[in-house]
Amino acid sequence: MLIPATFRRILERGDERTPDTPRTRVVIIYGGGRSREFCEIYTMQMAERLAAKVRRLKPGSEARKRAERELLKRSVTVEIDDDGRVILPNQVREKLGMAADELKDGVEACLAGVGNRLELWRGDLYREVNAPLPEEEDEDTSDPLGLLADDDEEF
């Protein structure tokens, strides 16, 4: 999968390069149950912040066990090569429904920026889930920035 240059620049800032890690690394989380039809990509810094949040949960609690299983155990660290490509591991391809035979037919991946992470979708499913609603169903004409009105900070 090729990561667009604009996304790569952001991901690069979130991973300190060292002689041991000369390429940018990211964490792909493929957990979250069957109803979650996408994976999430985090910078190394954001993945560490997420892991720290999990570690703050009460040891042995059901919430911590689930968070550890779905967010930590079902994640993989990958490198972005010099051309901006990432080889998607089997677990990620399975999560997205991208079997080897479908890859030969040209199935595509789709990246969507969402705040502090990227969502990774199978392209056709992303378009289906995020398709515009028919006009008769989309009667909300309010400004979406109004959803942020509770925040005291001015945009």
C-alpha atoms as a PDB file:
ATOM      1  CA  MET A   1       0.000   0.000   0.000  1.00  0.00           C
ATOM      2  CA  LEU A   2       1.293   3.460  -0.869  1.00  0.00           C
ATOM      3  CA  ILE A   3       0.896   6.152   1.777  1.00  0.00           C
ATOM      4  CA  PRO A   4       0.390   9.628   0.285  1.00  0.00           C
ATOM      5  CA  ALA A   5       3.241  12.080   0.906  1.00  0.00           C
ATOM      6  CA  THR A   6       1.090  14.417   3.017  1.00  0.00           C
ATOM      7  CA  PHE A   7       0.247  11.588   5.413  1.00  0.00           C
ATOM      8  CA  ARG A   8       3.866  10.371   5.437  1.00  0.00           C
ATOM      9  CA  ARG A   9       5.127  13.758   6.642  1.00  0.00           C
ATOM     10  CA  ILE A  10       2.764  13.602   9.610  1.00  0.00           C
ATOM     11  CA  LEU A  11       3.695   9.998  10.397  1.00  0.00           C
ATOM     12  CA  GLU A  12       7.417  10.838  10.196  1.00  0.00           C
ATOM     13  CA  ARG A  13       7.043  13.498  12.890  1.00  0.00           C
ATOM     14  CA  GLY A  14       5.608  10.858  15.220  1.00  0.00           C
ATOM     15  CA  ASP A  15       8.592   8.484  15.091  1.00  0.00           C
ATOM     16  CA  GLU A  16      12.101   9.444  16.098  1.00  0.00           C
ATOM     17  CA  ARG A  17      14.622   7.977  13.685  1.00  0.00           C
ATOM     18  CA  THR A  18      17.676   6.311  15.170  1.00  0.00           C
ATOM     19  CA  PRO A  19      20.499   4.203  13.747  1.00  0.00           C
ATOM     20  CA  ASP A  20      18.459   1.152  14.839  1.00  0.00           C
ATOM     21  CA  THR A  21      15.249   2.464  13.244  1.00  0.00           C
ATOM     22  CA  PRO A  22      16.191   4.446  10.123  1.00  0.00           C
ATOM     23  CA  ARG A  23      12.714   4.173   8.566  1.00  0.00           C
ATOM     24  CA  THR A  24       9.461   5.604   9.844  1.00  0.00           C
ATOM     25  CA  ARG A  25       7.414   3.076  11.800  1.00  0.00           C
ATOM     26  CA  VAL A  26       3.681   3.073  12.462  1.00  0.00           C
ATOM     27  CA  VAL A  27       1.363   0.865  14.474  1.00  0.00           C
ATOM     28  CA  ILE A  28      -1.653  -0.685  12.781  1.00  0.00           C
ATOM     29  CA  ILE A  29      -4.407  -1.807  15.148  1.00  0.00           C
ATOM     30  CA  TYR A  30      -6.573  -4.531  13.625  1.00  0.00           C
ATOM     31  CA  GLY A  31      -8.591  -5.403  16.734  1.00  0.00           C
ATOM     32  CA  GLY A  32     -12.020  -4.204  17.640  1.00  0.00           C
ATOM     33  CA  GLY A  33     -14.371  -7.040  16.792  1.00  0.00           C
ATOM     34  CA  ARG A  34     -16.075  -8.071  13.598  1.00  0.00           C
ATOM     35  CA  SER A  35     -18.388  -5.085  13.402  1.00  0.00           C
ATOM     36  CA  ARG A  36     -15.363  -2.783  13.163  1.00  0.00           C
ATOM     37  CA  GLU A  37     -14.589  -2.994   9.463  1.00  0.00           C
ATOM     38  CA  PHE A  38     -11.421  -0.905   9.393  1.00  0.00           C
ATOM     39  CA  CYS A  39      -7.989  -0.749  10.990  1.00  0.00           C
ATOM     40  CA  GLU A  40      -6.358   2.249  12.620  1.00  0.00           C
ATOM     41  CA  ILE A  41      -2.856   3.550  11.972  1.00  0.00           C
ATOM     42  CA  TYR A  42      -1.051   5.474  14.710  1.00  0.00           C
ATOM     43  CA  THR A  43       2.323   7.151  14.855  1.00  0.00           C
ATOM     44  CA  MET A  44       4.720   5.542  17.303  1.00  0.00           C
ATOM     45  CA  GLN A  45       4.179   8.456  19.712  1.00  0.00           C
ATOM     46  CA  MET A  46       0.398   8.151  19.586  1.00  0.00           C
ATOM     47  CA  ALA A  47       0.576   4.364  19.935  1.00  0.00           C
ATOM     48  CA  GLU A  48       2.643   4.806  23.099  1.00  0.00           C
ATOM     49  CA  ARG A  49       0.088   7.287  24.463  1.00  0.00           C
ATOM     50  CA  LEU A  50      -2.673   4.789  23.727  1.00  0.00           C
ATOM     51  CA  ALA A  51      -0.714   2.009  25.472  1.00  0.00           C
ATOM     52  CA  ALA A  52      -0.195   4.312  28.475  1.00  0.00           C
ATOM     53  CA  LYS A  53      -3.971   4.834  28.702  1.00  0.00           C
ATOM     54  CA  VAL A  54      -4.463   1.075  28.706  1.00  0.00           C
ATOM     55  CA  ARG A  55      -1.843   0.696  31.462  1.00  0.00           C
ATOM     56  CA  ARG A  56      -3.782   3.202  33.606  1.00  0.00           C
ATOM     57  CA  LEU A  57      -6.841   0.956  33.618  1.00  0.00           C
ATOM     58  CA  LYS A  58      -7.299  -1.159  36.746  1.00  0.00           C
ATOM     59  CA  PRO A  59      -5.144  -4.301  36.459  1.00  0.00           C
ATOM     60  CA  GLY A  60      -7.289  -7.410  36.021  1.00  0.00           C
ATOM     61  CA  SER A  61     -10.432  -5.431  35.205  1.00  0.00           C
ATOM     62  CA  GLU A  62     -12.577  -6.514  32.267  1.00  0.00           C
ATOM     63  CA  ALA A  63     -12.011  -3.119  30.629  1.00  0.00           C
ATOM     64  CA  ARG A  64      -8.237  -3.534  30.815  1.00  0.00           C
ATOM     65  CA  LYS A  65      -8.351  -7.130  29.560  1.00  0.00           C
ATOM     66  CA  ARG A  66     -10.459  -6.095  26.577  1.00  0.00           C
ATOM     67  CA  ALA A  67      -8.325  -3.032  25.837  1.00  0.00           C
ATOM     68  CA  GLU A  68      -5.143  -5.106  26.020  1.00  0.00           C
ATOM     69  CA  ARG A  69      -6.602  -7.754  23.709  1.00  0.00           C
ATOM     70  CA  GLU A  70      -8.192  -5.439  21.139  1.00  0.00           C
ATOM     71  CA  LEU A  71      -5.720  -2.544  21.131  1.00  0.00           C
ATOM     72  CA  LEU A  72      -2.342  -3.969  22.128  1.00  0.00           C
ATOM     73  CA  LYS A  73      -2.299  -7.657  21.235  1.00  0.00           C
ATOM     74  CA  ARG A  74      -4.118  -7.078  17.948  1.00  0.00           C
ATOM     75  CA  SER A  75      -1.666  -4.546  16.641  1.00  0.00           C
ATOM     76  CA  VAL A  76       1.431  -4.714  14.500  1.00  0.00           C
ATOM     77  CA  THR A  77       4.329  -2.327  13.926  1.00  0.00           C
ATOM     78  CA  VAL A  78       5.342  -1.825  10.304  1.00  0.00           C
ATOM     79  CA  GLU A  79       7.932   0.290   8.513  1.00  0.00           C
ATOM     80  CA  ILE A  80       7.283   2.707   5.688  1.00  0.00           C
ATOM     81  CA  ASP A  81       9.866   2.114   2.959  1.00  0.00           C
ATOM     82  CA  ASP A  82      11.772   4.900   1.213  1.00  0.00           C
ATOM     83  CA  ASP A  83       9.127   5.077  -1.535  1.00  0.00           C
ATOM     84  CA  GLY A  84       6.264   5.470   0.978  1.00  0.00           C
ATOM     85  CA  ARG A  85       5.013   1.909   0.751  1.00  0.00           C
ATOM     86  CA  VAL A  86       3.894  -0.420   3.523  1.00  0.00           C
ATOM     87  CA  ILE A  87       3.492  -4.157   3.228  1.00  0.00           C
ATOM     88  CA  LEU A  88       0.193  -4.971   4.935  1.00  0.00           C
ATOM     89  CA  PRO A  89       0.634  -7.979   7.251  1.00  0.00           C
ATOM     90  CA  ASN A  90      -1.692 -10.969   6.891  1.00  0.00           C
ATOM     91  CA  GLN A  91      -3.678 -10.090  10.037  1.00  0.00           C
ATOM     92  CA  VAL A  92      -4.466  -6.638   8.627  1.00  0.00           C
ATOM     93  CA  ARG A  93      -5.418  -7.969   5.197  1.00  0.00           C
ATOM     94  CA  GLU A  94      -7.670 -10.579   6.829  1.00  0.00           C
ATOM     95  CA  LYS A  95      -9.366  -7.906   8.956  1.00  0.00           C
ATOM     96  CA  LEU A  96     -10.043  -5.820   5.854  1.00  0.00           C
ATOM     97  CA  GLY A  97     -11.222  -8.783   3.778  1.00  0.00           C
ATOM     98  CA  MET A  98      -8.351  -8.489   1.333  1.00  0.00           C
ATOM     99  CA  ALA A  99      -7.568 -12.098   0.451  1.00  0.00           C
ATOM    100  CA  ALA A 100      -4.636 -12.880  -1.833  1.00  0.00           C
ATOM    101  CA  ASP A 101      -6.891 -13.652  -4.818  1.00  0.00           C
ATOM    102  CA  GLU A 102      -8.699 -10.322  -4.388  1.00  0.00           C
ATOM    103  CA  LEU A 103      -5.389  -8.472  -4.344  1.00  0.00           C
ATOM    104  CA  LYS A 104      -4.620  -9.942  -7.765  1.00  0.00           C
ATOM    105  CA  ASP A 105      -7.920  -8.502  -9.022  1.00  0.00           C
ATOM    106  CA  GLY A 106      -6.908  -5.028  -7.879  1.00  0.00           C
ATOM    107  CA  VAL A 107      -8.797  -4.519  -4.624  1.00  0.00           C
ATOM    108  CA  GLU A 108      -7.768  -1.188  -3.165  1.00  0.00           C
ATOM    109  CA  ALA A 109      -7.094   0.168   0.291  1.00  0.00           C
ATOM    110  CA  CYS A 110      -8.344   3.573   1.396  1.00  0.00           C
ATOM    111  CA  LEU A 111      -6.781   5.858   4.020  1.00  0.00           C
ATOM    112  CA  ALA A 112      -8.859   8.479   5.822  1.00  0.00           C
ATOM    113  CA  GLY A 113      -7.420  11.016   8.252  1.00  0.00           C
ATOM    114  CA  VAL A 114      -9.357  11.099  11.521  1.00  0.00           C
ATOM    115  CA  GLY A 115      -7.894  13.433  14.137  1.00  0.00           C
ATOM    116  CA  ASN A 116      -4.862  11.741  15.677  1.00  0.00           C
ATOM    117  CA  ARG A 117      -4.890   8.644  13.474  1.00  0.00           C
ATOM    118  CA  LEU A 118      -5.583   7.241  10.036  1.00  0.00           C
ATOM    119  CA  GLU A 119      -8.328   4.778   9.299  1.00  0.00           C
ATOM    120  CA  LEU A 120      -7.456   2.027   6.841  1.00  0.00           C
ATOM    121  CA  TRP A 121     -10.402   0.585   4.917  1.00  0.00           C
ATOM    122  CA  ARG A 122     -11.027  -1.681   1.999  1.00  0.00           C
ATOM    123  CA  GLY A 123     -11.802   0.918  -0.692  1.00  0.00           C
ATOM    124  CA  ASP A 124     -15.211  -0.348  -1.812  1.00  0.00           C
ATOM    125  CA  LEU A 125     -16.436  -0.696   1.768  1.00  0.00           C
ATOM    126  CA  TYR A 126     -15.222   2.802   2.683  1.00  0.00           C
ATOM    127  CA  ARG A 127     -17.179   4.297  -0.209  1.00  0.00           C
ATOM    128  CA  GLU A 128     -20.260   2.293   0.768  1.00  0.00           C
ATOM    129  CA  VAL A 129     -20.158   3.229   4.471  1.00  0.00           C
ATOM    130  CA  ASN A 130     -19.296   6.877   3.831  1.00  0.00           C
ATOM    131  CA  ALA A 131     -21.542   7.478   0.830  1.00  0.00           C
ATOM    132  CA  PRO A 132     -23.615  10.656   0.955  1.00  0.00           C
ATOM    133  CA  LEU A 133     -27.136  10.131   2.163  1.00  0.00           C
ATOM    134  CA  PRO A 134     -29.948  10.600  -0.336  1.00  0.00           C
ATOM    135  CA  GLU A 135     -31.345  14.123  -0.160  1.00  0.00           C
ATOM    136  CA  GLU A 136     -34.601  12.975   1.408  1.00  0.00           C
ATOM    137  CA  GLU A 137     -32.714  11.391   4.333  1.00  0.00           C
ATOM    138  CA  ASP A 138     -30.212  14.231   4.799  1.00  0.00           C
ATOM    139  CA  GLU A 139     -32.453  16.964   6.168  1.00  0.00           C
ATOM    140  CA  ASP A 140     -29.894  18.325   8.650  1.00  0.00           C
ATOM    141  CA  THR A 141     -28.769  21.627   7.160  1.00  0.00           C
ATOM    142  CA  SER A 142     -26.951  22.870  10.253  1.00  0.00           C
ATOM    143  CA  ASP A 143     -23.296  23.807  10.074  1.00  0.00           C
ATOM    144  CA  PRO A 144     -21.182  20.835  11.243  1.00  0.00           C
ATOM    145  CA  LEU A 145     -18.874  23.253  13.087  1.00  0.00           C
ATOM    146  CA  GLY A 146     -21.841  23.803  15.406  1.00  0.00           C
ATOM    147  CA  LEU A 147     -21.132  20.337  16.807  1.00  0.00           C
ATOM    148  CA  LEU A 148     -18.063  21.867  18.452  1.00  0.00           C
ATOM    149  CA  ALA A 149     -20.007  24.641  20.189  1.00  0.00           C
ATOM    150  CA  ASP A 150     -19.495  23.248  23.715  1.00  0.00           C
ATOM    151  CA  ASP A 151     -15.767  23.863  23.440  1.00  0.00           C
ATOM    152  CA  ASP A 152     -14.672  27.167  24.996  1.00  0.00           C
ATOM    153  CA  GLU A 153     -11.777  27.485  22.587  1.00  0.00           C
ATOM    154  CA  GLU A 154     -12.424  29.626  19.529  1.00  0.00           C
ATOM    155  CA  PHE A 155     -11.737  27.965  16.197  1.00  0.00           C
END
